[in-house]
Each structure stands twice: as C-alpha cells, then as structure tokens.
Amino acid sequence: MKKYNKFLNALPIIAALLAHSSCQTNKHVSINTSTVKVLNIPHFMGKWYEIARYDHTFEKGMTHVTAEYSLESNGKIRVINRGIKNGKPKEIVGKAKQPDPVEYPGRLKVSFFLWFYSDYYILELDKDYQYALIGSSSDKYLWILSRTPELPKDILDKLLANIKQRGYDLSRLVYVKQ
C-alpha cells in the first residue's frame, strides 16, 4: 500500500515532466507538419518495419523494430512496438486514437503510459500503404516505416528529400538494423 501511495503522490510530478518534455522542441527549426488528407484506418493496420528514426530514450539502441497496429471493436487502435535491445526482445503495448478524423485524418494520438498521449502525425503515406513518414507536432520525433524490412533506394531517397524539404535534420536519422 505504501508503494501505491508513493506512486499516486508522484503522478503530478511525472505528468509535469512528461508535459514539459513533450513541449520542448528545437526553436531554430521550422518544420512542416502537414499531414495526409485521407487515411483509411483499416488499411493502415498491420505490421510496419522501422527503417529509420530520430533516436530517443525509449528506443535508443534498439534494432529489429516493428510497430503493429490493430483495430479494436471500440474504435481504438492497439499498438504493439517490438524490438531487440542488448540482445533481448522488448515489447510495449499501447493505444492510439484519431481525435479529429474529419478535419485532420492524418493526426493520431498514441499512448503507452496511462492517459498521456503524444502526437503521431502521418506526414506522408504511399497510396498503397507500403511506406509512411511519421512525425509529431515538434521536431523531436520522426520515423520512416515500411511494410517490408527494407525500402528500395529510389523510395528512400524520395522520402529523404521530402524530409529535408519539410525542415527536418537528416543528420539526426538513425537507420535501424532489421
């Protein structure tokens, strides 16, 4: 019971830290976070391989990273992120929702901890849903995802050019071993 009370007492501090960290961004970069205008949620479901990302604490050092999305009966999206870290499999289960599917179909919110949601912006998406560029409302997060463990060079080059044009720093990209 004491541990539970300590946790409850720490919640406001945890919430403040998470809010503060999610609001911080590189003030020197103006990025274009416009999202896709059409998103077929059922078609987006399934397994995606992480091709490249901006590194961050919760994925630092991970290889063989995938994200798997499935639609639940209540309309929410189940998210399972998997990868290998220090030779051991890691998995985290979260949830996602589409807060405004009419006005902003490409903007989702994703949570892996209680009720703390982060932006998940689908910046670009292949017409056949074979690759995607994912970002957020800041320049902290960026992912290149694919339905296959590798992307053809011409598609990767196209995405990299689009990333640069949007104002993201290409030197921050970490290419993920699959």
N, C-alpha and C. Protein backbone atom coordinates (compact mmCIF):
# COMPACT_ATOMS: atom_id res chain seq x y z
N MET A 1 0.82 -1.19 0.00
CA MET A 1 0.00 0.00 0.00
C MET A 1 0.87 1.26 0.00
N LYS A 2 2.00 1.23 0.72
CA LYS A 2 2.88 2.39 0.77
C LYS A 2 3.45 2.69 -0.61
N LYS A 3 3.82 1.62 -1.35
CA LYS A 3 4.35 1.82 -2.70
C LYS A 3 3.29 2.45 -3.61
N TYR A 4 2.06 2.01 -3.47
CA TYR A 4 0.96 2.55 -4.27
C TYR A 4 0.77 4.03 -3.95
N ASN A 5 0.79 4.40 -2.67
CA ASN A 5 0.64 5.80 -2.27
C ASN A 5 1.78 6.65 -2.79
N LYS A 6 3.01 6.11 -2.77
CA LYS A 6 4.15 6.85 -3.31
C LYS A 6 3.95 7.11 -4.80
N PHE A 7 3.43 6.09 -5.49
CA PHE A 7 3.18 6.24 -6.91
C PHE A 7 2.13 7.33 -7.16
N LEU A 8 1.04 7.30 -6.41
CA LEU A 8 0.00 8.32 -6.57
C LEU A 8 0.52 9.71 -6.26
N ASN A 9 1.36 9.83 -5.24
CA ASN A 9 1.93 11.13 -4.90
C ASN A 9 2.87 11.62 -5.99
N ALA A 10 3.51 10.70 -6.68
CA ALA A 10 4.46 11.08 -7.72
C ALA A 10 3.79 11.40 -9.06
N LEU A 11 2.53 11.04 -9.23
CA LEU A 11 1.86 11.26 -10.52
C LEU A 11 1.90 12.70 -11.00
N PRO A 12 1.61 13.71 -10.16
CA PRO A 12 1.69 15.09 -10.66
C PRO A 12 3.09 15.46 -11.16
N ILE A 13 4.11 14.94 -10.50
CA ILE A 13 5.48 15.23 -10.92
C ILE A 13 5.76 14.54 -12.26
N ILE A 14 5.35 13.29 -12.38
CA ILE A 14 5.53 12.56 -13.64
C ILE A 14 4.80 13.26 -14.77
N ALA A 15 3.57 13.67 -14.53
CA ALA A 15 2.77 14.37 -15.55
C ALA A 15 3.44 15.67 -15.97
N ALA A 16 3.95 16.42 -15.01
CA ALA A 16 4.61 17.69 -15.33
C ALA A 16 5.87 17.45 -16.17
N LEU A 17 6.65 16.44 -15.80
CA LEU A 17 7.85 16.14 -16.56
C LEU A 17 7.53 15.70 -17.98
N LEU A 18 6.53 14.85 -18.13
CA LEU A 18 6.14 14.41 -19.46
C LEU A 18 5.61 15.56 -20.30
N ALA A 19 4.80 16.40 -19.71
CA ALA A 19 4.27 17.56 -20.44
C ALA A 19 5.39 18.49 -20.86
N HIS A 20 6.33 18.71 -19.95
CA HIS A 20 7.45 19.60 -20.25
C HIS A 20 8.31 19.04 -21.38
N SER A 21 8.61 17.74 -21.31
CA SER A 21 9.47 17.15 -22.34
C SER A 21 8.77 17.10 -23.69
N SER A 22 7.45 16.92 -23.71
CA SER A 22 6.75 16.85 -24.99
C SER A 22 6.59 18.22 -25.63
N CYS A 23 6.74 19.27 -24.87
CA CYS A 23 6.60 20.62 -25.42
C CYS A 23 7.92 21.17 -25.90
N GLN A 24 9.04 20.59 -25.49
CA GLN A 24 10.33 21.11 -25.89
C GLN A 24 10.59 20.75 -27.34
N THR A 25 11.14 21.68 -28.05
CA THR A 25 11.48 21.47 -29.44
C THR A 25 12.67 22.33 -29.80
N ASN A 26 13.28 22.06 -30.92
CA ASN A 26 14.38 22.87 -31.40
C ASN A 26 13.80 24.16 -31.94
N LYS A 27 14.02 25.24 -31.26
CA LYS A 27 13.42 26.53 -31.62
C LYS A 27 13.99 27.10 -32.92
N HIS A 28 15.12 26.55 -33.38
CA HIS A 28 15.77 27.09 -34.58
C HIS A 28 15.24 26.46 -35.87
N VAL A 29 14.41 25.45 -35.76
CA VAL A 29 13.92 24.75 -36.93
C VAL A 29 12.43 24.98 -37.08
N SER A 30 12.03 25.34 -38.28
CA SER A 30 10.61 25.46 -38.58
C SER A 30 10.26 24.28 -39.48
N ILE A 31 9.48 23.35 -38.95
CA ILE A 31 9.18 22.16 -39.72
C ILE A 31 7.75 22.21 -40.25
N ASN A 32 7.54 21.53 -41.34
CA ASN A 32 6.23 21.41 -41.95
C ASN A 32 5.59 20.12 -41.45
N THR A 33 4.57 20.25 -40.61
CA THR A 33 3.91 19.07 -40.05
C THR A 33 2.55 18.82 -40.69
N SER A 34 2.39 19.27 -41.93
CA SER A 34 1.12 18.97 -42.60
C SER A 34 1.01 17.46 -42.79
N THR A 35 -0.18 16.95 -42.60
CA THR A 35 -0.40 15.51 -42.63
C THR A 35 -1.20 15.10 -43.87
N VAL A 36 -1.33 13.80 -44.04
CA VAL A 36 -2.11 13.29 -45.17
C VAL A 36 -3.56 13.75 -45.03
N LYS A 37 -4.20 13.94 -46.15
CA LYS A 37 -5.60 14.42 -46.16
C LYS A 37 -6.62 13.29 -46.13
N VAL A 38 -6.15 12.08 -46.46
CA VAL A 38 -7.02 10.91 -46.46
C VAL A 38 -6.30 9.78 -45.75
N LEU A 39 -7.01 9.12 -44.84
CA LEU A 39 -6.42 7.99 -44.14
C LEU A 39 -7.48 6.92 -43.95
N ASN A 40 -7.23 5.76 -44.56
CA ASN A 40 -8.10 4.61 -44.40
C ASN A 40 -7.52 3.80 -43.23
N ILE A 41 -8.10 3.99 -42.05
CA ILE A 41 -7.57 3.37 -40.83
C ILE A 41 -7.44 1.84 -40.98
N PRO A 42 -8.47 1.12 -41.44
CA PRO A 42 -8.30 -0.34 -41.57
C PRO A 42 -7.14 -0.73 -42.49
N HIS A 43 -6.91 0.06 -43.54
CA HIS A 43 -5.81 -0.24 -44.47
C HIS A 43 -4.45 0.04 -43.83
N PHE A 44 -4.40 0.96 -42.88
CA PHE A 44 -3.15 1.31 -42.19
C PHE A 44 -2.76 0.23 -41.17
N MET A 45 -3.72 -0.56 -40.73
CA MET A 45 -3.47 -1.58 -39.72
C MET A 45 -2.49 -2.62 -40.25
N GLY A 46 -1.84 -3.30 -39.33
CA GLY A 46 -0.89 -4.35 -39.70
C GLY A 46 0.50 -4.02 -39.21
N LYS A 47 1.45 -4.77 -39.74
CA LYS A 47 2.84 -4.66 -39.29
C LYS A 47 3.62 -3.69 -40.16
N TRP A 48 4.40 -2.83 -39.50
CA TRP A 48 5.28 -1.87 -40.14
C TRP A 48 6.70 -2.06 -39.58
N TYR A 49 7.69 -2.01 -40.45
CA TYR A 49 9.09 -2.09 -40.05
C TYR A 49 9.66 -0.68 -39.95
N GLU A 50 10.44 -0.46 -38.92
CA GLU A 50 11.08 0.84 -38.75
C GLU A 50 12.37 0.85 -39.59
N ILE A 51 12.40 1.72 -40.58
CA ILE A 51 13.55 1.84 -41.47
C ILE A 51 14.57 2.82 -40.88
N ALA A 52 14.07 3.95 -40.39
CA ALA A 52 14.93 4.97 -39.79
C ALA A 52 14.09 5.76 -38.79
N ARG A 53 14.79 6.43 -37.86
CA ARG A 53 14.10 7.22 -36.83
C ARG A 53 15.03 8.28 -36.29
N TYR A 54 14.44 9.25 -35.63
CA TYR A 54 15.19 10.12 -34.75
C TYR A 54 15.34 9.33 -33.45
N ASP A 55 16.54 9.25 -32.94
CA ASP A 55 16.74 8.47 -31.73
C ASP A 55 16.16 9.18 -30.52
N HIS A 56 15.67 8.43 -29.58
CA HIS A 56 15.10 8.96 -28.35
C HIS A 56 15.26 7.89 -27.28
N THR A 57 15.06 8.27 -26.05
CA THR A 57 15.38 7.38 -24.93
C THR A 57 14.64 6.06 -24.98
N PHE A 58 13.40 6.05 -25.38
CA PHE A 58 12.65 4.80 -25.30
C PHE A 58 12.95 3.82 -26.43
N GLU A 59 13.74 4.21 -27.44
CA GLU A 59 14.14 3.27 -28.49
C GLU A 59 15.65 3.23 -28.67
N LYS A 60 16.38 3.97 -27.90
CA LYS A 60 17.83 4.07 -28.06
C LYS A 60 18.47 2.68 -28.03
N GLY A 61 19.28 2.40 -29.05
CA GLY A 61 19.99 1.13 -29.13
C GLY A 61 19.17 -0.04 -29.62
N MET A 62 17.92 0.18 -29.99
CA MET A 62 17.06 -0.94 -30.43
C MET A 62 17.27 -1.23 -31.91
N THR A 63 17.22 -2.52 -32.22
CA THR A 63 17.26 -2.98 -33.61
C THR A 63 16.02 -3.83 -33.86
N HIS A 64 15.83 -4.19 -35.12
CA HIS A 64 14.71 -5.07 -35.50
C HIS A 64 13.38 -4.54 -34.95
N VAL A 65 13.16 -3.25 -35.10
CA VAL A 65 11.98 -2.60 -34.53
C VAL A 65 10.80 -2.68 -35.50
N THR A 66 9.66 -3.09 -34.94
CA THR A 66 8.42 -3.09 -35.70
C THR A 66 7.32 -2.44 -34.87
N ALA A 67 6.30 -1.98 -35.57
CA ALA A 67 5.08 -1.48 -34.94
C ALA A 67 3.93 -2.23 -35.58
N GLU A 68 3.06 -2.75 -34.74
CA GLU A 68 1.90 -3.48 -35.26
C GLU A 68 0.63 -2.84 -34.74
N TYR A 69 -0.25 -2.48 -35.67
CA TYR A 69 -1.49 -1.79 -35.34
C TYR A 69 -2.67 -2.71 -35.63
N SER A 70 -3.64 -2.72 -34.72
CA SER A 70 -4.86 -3.49 -34.96
C SER A 70 -6.05 -2.69 -34.43
N LEU A 71 -7.13 -2.76 -35.15
CA LEU A 71 -8.35 -2.02 -34.81
C LEU A 71 -9.18 -2.84 -33.84
N GLU A 72 -9.54 -2.22 -32.73
CA GLU A 72 -10.36 -2.89 -31.72
C GLU A 72 -11.84 -2.57 -31.97
N SER A 73 -12.71 -3.35 -31.37
CA SER A 73 -14.15 -3.19 -31.58
C SER A 73 -14.68 -1.84 -31.09
N ASN A 74 -13.98 -1.20 -30.13
CA ASN A 74 -14.42 0.10 -29.61
C ASN A 74 -13.92 1.27 -30.47
N GLY A 75 -13.25 0.97 -31.58
CA GLY A 75 -12.77 2.02 -32.47
C GLY A 75 -11.36 2.49 -32.18
N LYS A 76 -10.82 2.09 -31.03
CA LYS A 76 -9.44 2.46 -30.71
C LYS A 76 -8.49 1.52 -31.43
N ILE A 77 -7.26 1.94 -31.47
CA ILE A 77 -6.23 1.18 -32.17
C ILE A 77 -5.26 0.62 -31.13
N ARG A 78 -5.00 -0.65 -31.23
CA ARG A 78 -4.00 -1.29 -30.35
C ARG A 78 -2.65 -1.17 -31.05
N VAL A 79 -1.63 -0.79 -30.31
CA VAL A 79 -0.28 -0.61 -30.85
C VAL A 79 0.67 -1.52 -30.08
N ILE A 80 1.42 -2.33 -30.81
CA ILE A 80 2.46 -3.16 -30.18
C ILE A 80 3.78 -2.82 -30.87
N ASN A 81 4.70 -2.25 -30.10
CA ASN A 81 6.03 -1.96 -30.61
C ASN A 81 6.98 -3.04 -30.09
N ARG A 82 7.76 -3.61 -31.00
CA ARG A 82 8.70 -4.66 -30.65
C ARG A 82 10.08 -4.32 -31.19
N GLY A 83 11.10 -4.83 -30.52
CA GLY A 83 12.46 -4.66 -30.99
C GLY A 83 13.41 -5.50 -30.16
N ILE A 84 14.69 -5.39 -30.49
CA ILE A 84 15.74 -6.09 -29.77
C ILE A 84 16.66 -5.03 -29.16
N LYS A 85 16.91 -5.17 -27.86
CA LYS A 85 17.82 -4.26 -27.16
C LYS A 85 18.76 -5.09 -26.30
N ASN A 86 20.05 -4.87 -26.49
CA ASN A 86 21.07 -5.64 -25.77
C ASN A 86 20.85 -7.15 -25.92
N GLY A 87 20.45 -7.55 -27.13
CA GLY A 87 20.26 -8.97 -27.43
C GLY A 87 18.98 -9.57 -26.90
N LYS A 88 18.14 -8.77 -26.25
CA LYS A 88 16.90 -9.30 -25.67
C LYS A 88 15.68 -8.67 -26.33
N PRO A 89 14.63 -9.48 -26.58
CA PRO A 89 13.40 -8.93 -27.15
C PRO A 89 12.71 -7.99 -26.16
N LYS A 90 12.22 -6.88 -26.69
CA LYS A 90 11.47 -5.90 -25.90
C LYS A 90 10.14 -5.66 -26.59
N GLU A 91 9.11 -5.42 -25.80
CA GLU A 91 7.78 -5.16 -26.35
C GLU A 91 7.05 -4.19 -25.43
N ILE A 92 6.31 -3.28 -26.04
CA ILE A 92 5.44 -2.40 -25.28
C ILE A 92 4.11 -2.30 -26.01
N VAL A 93 3.04 -2.35 -25.25
CA VAL A 93 1.70 -2.29 -25.82
C VAL A 93 1.09 -0.94 -25.47
N GLY A 94 0.51 -0.31 -26.47
CA GLY A 94 -0.13 0.99 -26.26
C GLY A 94 -1.45 1.06 -26.98
N LYS A 95 -1.94 2.28 -27.06
CA LYS A 95 -3.21 2.51 -27.74
C LYS A 95 -3.11 3.81 -28.52
N ALA A 96 -3.94 3.91 -29.53
CA ALA A 96 -3.98 5.11 -30.35
C ALA A 96 -5.43 5.46 -30.64
N LYS A 97 -5.64 6.71 -30.96
CA LYS A 97 -6.97 7.17 -31.34
C LYS A 97 -6.82 8.27 -32.37
N GLN A 98 -7.88 8.48 -33.10
CA GLN A 98 -7.93 9.52 -34.12
C GLN A 98 -8.87 10.60 -33.61
N PRO A 99 -8.33 11.67 -32.99
CA PRO A 99 -9.18 12.65 -32.32
C PRO A 99 -10.11 13.45 -33.24
N ASP A 100 -9.67 13.74 -34.46
CA ASP A 100 -10.50 14.54 -35.37
C ASP A 100 -10.38 13.99 -36.79
N PRO A 101 -11.06 12.86 -37.08
CA PRO A 101 -10.89 12.20 -38.37
C PRO A 101 -11.38 13.01 -39.57
N VAL A 102 -12.28 13.95 -39.36
CA VAL A 102 -12.80 14.75 -40.47
C VAL A 102 -11.84 15.88 -40.82
N GLU A 103 -11.47 16.68 -39.83
CA GLU A 103 -10.61 17.85 -40.06
C GLU A 103 -9.14 17.45 -40.27
N TYR A 104 -8.65 16.50 -39.47
CA TYR A 104 -7.24 16.09 -39.53
C TYR A 104 -7.13 14.56 -39.54
N PRO A 105 -7.44 13.93 -40.65
CA PRO A 105 -7.43 12.46 -40.69
C PRO A 105 -6.05 11.85 -40.43
N GLY A 106 -4.97 12.56 -40.75
CA GLY A 106 -3.62 12.04 -40.58
C GLY A 106 -3.01 12.29 -39.22
N ARG A 107 -3.78 12.83 -38.29
CA ARG A 107 -3.27 13.08 -36.94
C ARG A 107 -3.88 12.11 -35.96
N LEU A 108 -3.01 11.34 -35.34
CA LEU A 108 -3.45 10.42 -34.29
C LEU A 108 -2.78 10.82 -32.98
N LYS A 109 -3.26 10.22 -31.92
CA LYS A 109 -2.67 10.35 -30.58
C LYS A 109 -2.34 8.94 -30.12
N VAL A 110 -1.14 8.76 -29.58
CA VAL A 110 -0.68 7.45 -29.14
C VAL A 110 -0.27 7.52 -27.68
N SER A 111 -0.61 6.48 -26.93
CA SER A 111 -0.27 6.42 -25.51
C SER A 111 0.30 5.06 -25.16
N PHE A 112 1.40 5.08 -24.40
CA PHE A 112 1.97 3.86 -23.86
C PHE A 112 1.99 3.90 -22.33
N PHE A 113 1.47 4.98 -21.75
CA PHE A 113 1.50 5.13 -20.31
C PHE A 113 0.26 5.88 -19.84
N LEU A 114 -0.60 5.19 -19.13
CA LEU A 114 -1.81 5.76 -18.55
C LEU A 114 -2.59 6.56 -19.58
N TRP A 115 -2.85 7.81 -19.30
CA TRP A 115 -3.65 8.68 -20.18
C TRP A 115 -2.80 9.74 -20.88
N PHE A 116 -1.47 9.55 -20.89
CA PHE A 116 -0.58 10.51 -21.53
C PHE A 116 -0.45 10.17 -23.01
N TYR A 117 -0.99 11.02 -23.85
CA TYR A 117 -0.97 10.80 -25.29
C TYR A 117 0.03 11.73 -25.95
N SER A 118 0.69 11.24 -27.00
CA SER A 118 1.62 12.02 -27.80
C SER A 118 1.11 12.11 -29.22
N ASP A 119 1.52 13.15 -29.90
CA ASP A 119 1.15 13.32 -31.31
C ASP A 119 1.80 12.24 -32.16
N TYR A 120 1.06 11.77 -33.14
CA TYR A 120 1.52 10.80 -34.11
C TYR A 120 0.95 11.27 -35.44
N TYR A 121 1.76 12.00 -36.19
CA TYR A 121 1.30 12.61 -37.43
C TYR A 121 1.79 11.79 -38.62
N ILE A 122 0.86 11.37 -39.45
CA ILE A 122 1.21 10.67 -40.68
C ILE A 122 1.45 11.76 -41.73
N LEU A 123 2.73 12.07 -41.92
CA LEU A 123 3.12 13.17 -42.80
C LEU A 123 3.01 12.78 -44.27
N GLU A 124 3.40 11.56 -44.57
CA GLU A 124 3.32 11.06 -45.94
C GLU A 124 2.98 9.58 -45.89
N LEU A 125 2.24 9.14 -46.90
CA LEU A 125 1.80 7.76 -46.94
C LEU A 125 1.68 7.33 -48.39
N ASP A 126 2.29 6.21 -48.71
CA ASP A 126 2.20 5.64 -50.04
C ASP A 126 0.73 5.33 -50.37
N LYS A 127 0.34 5.54 -51.61
CA LYS A 127 -1.06 5.31 -52.00
C LYS A 127 -1.50 3.87 -51.74
N ASP A 128 -0.56 2.93 -51.74
CA ASP A 128 -0.87 1.53 -51.46
C ASP A 128 -0.52 1.13 -50.02
N TYR A 129 -0.23 2.14 -49.19
CA TYR A 129 0.08 1.92 -47.77
C TYR A 129 1.28 0.98 -47.59
N GLN A 130 2.32 1.18 -48.42
CA GLN A 130 3.52 0.34 -48.33
C GLN A 130 4.65 1.02 -47.56
N TYR A 131 4.63 2.34 -47.45
CA TYR A 131 5.61 3.07 -46.65
C TYR A 131 4.97 4.36 -46.14
N ALA A 132 5.55 4.86 -45.05
CA ALA A 132 4.98 6.06 -44.41
C ALA A 132 6.08 6.86 -43.75
N LEU A 133 5.83 8.15 -43.65
CA LEU A 133 6.68 9.07 -42.91
C LEU A 133 5.85 9.57 -41.74
N ILE A 134 6.35 9.37 -40.53
CA ILE A 134 5.62 9.71 -39.31
C ILE A 134 6.40 10.76 -38.54
N GLY A 135 5.69 11.76 -38.02
CA GLY A 135 6.32 12.79 -37.20
C GLY A 135 5.40 13.17 -36.06
N SER A 136 5.61 14.36 -35.55
CA SER A 136 4.76 14.87 -34.47
C SER A 136 4.61 16.37 -34.65
N SER A 137 4.06 17.03 -33.66
CA SER A 137 3.87 18.48 -33.76
C SER A 137 5.17 19.24 -33.51
N SER A 138 6.23 18.54 -33.19
CA SER A 138 7.53 19.19 -32.99
C SER A 138 8.56 18.48 -33.86
N ASP A 139 9.80 18.88 -33.72
CA ASP A 139 10.87 18.23 -34.49
C ASP A 139 11.59 17.15 -33.67
N LYS A 140 10.97 16.69 -32.59
CA LYS A 140 11.61 15.68 -31.73
C LYS A 140 11.50 14.27 -32.28
N TYR A 141 10.44 13.97 -32.98
CA TYR A 141 10.17 12.60 -33.40
C TYR A 141 10.02 12.51 -34.91
N LEU A 142 10.58 11.46 -35.47
CA LEU A 142 10.46 11.22 -36.90
C LEU A 142 10.75 9.74 -37.15
N TRP A 143 9.93 9.11 -37.96
CA TRP A 143 10.12 7.71 -38.32
C TRP A 143 9.85 7.52 -39.81
N ILE A 144 10.61 6.64 -40.42
CA ILE A 144 10.31 6.12 -41.76
C ILE A 144 9.91 4.67 -41.54
N LEU A 145 8.69 4.33 -41.96
CA LEU A 145 8.16 2.98 -41.79
C LEU A 145 7.90 2.34 -43.15
N SER A 146 7.98 1.02 -43.17
CA SER A 146 7.73 0.27 -44.40
C SER A 146 7.06 -1.05 -44.06
N ARG A 147 6.30 -1.57 -44.99
CA ARG A 147 5.69 -2.89 -44.80
C ARG A 147 6.72 -4.01 -44.94
N THR A 148 7.88 -3.69 -45.48
CA THR A 148 8.95 -4.66 -45.66
C THR A 148 10.18 -4.19 -44.88
N PRO A 149 11.10 -5.10 -44.53
CA PRO A 149 12.27 -4.72 -43.74
C PRO A 149 13.23 -3.76 -44.44
N GLU A 150 13.10 -3.61 -45.75
CA GLU A 150 13.95 -2.68 -46.50
C GLU A 150 13.10 -1.91 -47.49
N LEU A 151 13.55 -0.69 -47.78
CA LEU A 151 12.90 0.13 -48.80
C LEU A 151 13.81 0.22 -50.02
N PRO A 152 13.26 0.17 -51.21
CA PRO A 152 14.09 0.40 -52.39
C PRO A 152 14.77 1.78 -52.31
N LYS A 153 15.99 1.87 -52.83
CA LYS A 153 16.78 3.09 -52.73
C LYS A 153 16.05 4.31 -53.29
N ASP A 154 15.36 4.16 -54.41
CA ASP A 154 14.68 5.31 -55.01
C ASP A 154 13.58 5.85 -54.09
N ILE A 155 12.87 4.98 -53.40
CA ILE A 155 11.81 5.42 -52.48
C ILE A 155 12.43 6.07 -51.25
N LEU A 156 13.49 5.45 -50.72
CA LEU A 156 14.16 6.04 -49.56
C LEU A 156 14.72 7.41 -49.91
N ASP A 157 15.34 7.54 -51.07
CA ASP A 157 15.88 8.85 -51.50
C ASP A 157 14.76 9.89 -51.62
N LYS A 158 13.63 9.48 -52.16
CA LYS A 158 12.48 10.39 -52.27
C LYS A 158 12.01 10.85 -50.89
N LEU A 159 11.90 9.91 -49.96
CA LEU A 159 11.48 10.26 -48.60
C LEU A 159 12.49 11.17 -47.93
N LEU A 160 13.77 10.90 -48.10
CA LEU A 160 14.81 11.75 -47.50
C LEU A 160 14.75 13.18 -48.06
N ALA A 161 14.50 13.30 -49.36
CA ALA A 161 14.36 14.64 -49.95
C ALA A 161 13.14 15.36 -49.37
N ASN A 162 12.04 14.62 -49.20
CA ASN A 162 10.83 15.22 -48.61
C ASN A 162 11.05 15.62 -47.15
N ILE A 163 11.79 14.79 -46.42
CA ILE A 163 12.10 15.10 -45.02
C ILE A 163 12.90 16.39 -44.95
N LYS A 164 13.90 16.50 -45.79
CA LYS A 164 14.74 17.71 -45.81
C LYS A 164 13.91 18.93 -46.19
N GLN A 165 13.05 18.77 -47.19
CA GLN A 165 12.20 19.88 -47.63
C GLN A 165 11.25 20.33 -46.52
N ARG A 166 10.82 19.42 -45.69
CA ARG A 166 9.94 19.75 -44.57
C ARG A 166 10.68 20.48 -43.45
N GLY A 167 12.01 20.48 -43.48
CA GLY A 167 12.78 21.20 -42.47
C GLY A 167 13.40 20.33 -41.40
N TYR A 168 13.32 19.02 -41.55
CA TYR A 168 13.93 18.11 -40.59
C TYR A 168 15.43 17.97 -40.87
N ASP A 169 16.19 17.64 -39.85
CA ASP A 169 17.64 17.49 -39.94
C ASP A 169 17.95 16.03 -40.27
N LEU A 170 18.42 15.78 -41.48
CA LEU A 170 18.71 14.41 -41.91
C LEU A 170 19.84 13.77 -41.11
N SER A 171 20.74 14.57 -40.57
CA SER A 171 21.87 14.00 -39.82
C SER A 171 21.43 13.35 -38.51
N ARG A 172 20.24 13.62 -38.06
CA ARG A 172 19.73 13.02 -36.82
C ARG A 172 19.11 11.64 -37.04
N LEU A 173 18.91 11.26 -38.29
CA LEU A 173 18.29 9.96 -38.57
C LEU A 173 19.21 8.80 -38.21
N VAL A 174 18.67 7.82 -37.54
CA VAL A 174 19.34 6.58 -37.21
C VAL A 174 18.69 5.50 -38.05
N TYR A 175 19.50 4.79 -38.84
CA TYR A 175 18.96 3.72 -39.68
C TYR A 175 18.92 2.44 -38.85
N VAL A 176 17.79 1.78 -38.87
CA VAL A 176 17.53 0.64 -37.99
C VAL A 176 17.92 -0.67 -38.67
N LYS A 177 18.72 -1.45 -37.97
CA LYS A 177 19.07 -2.78 -38.47
C LYS A 177 17.84 -3.67 -38.35
N GLN A 178 17.46 -4.28 -39.47
CA GLN A 178 16.32 -5.20 -39.47
C GLN A 178 16.81 -6.57 -39.63
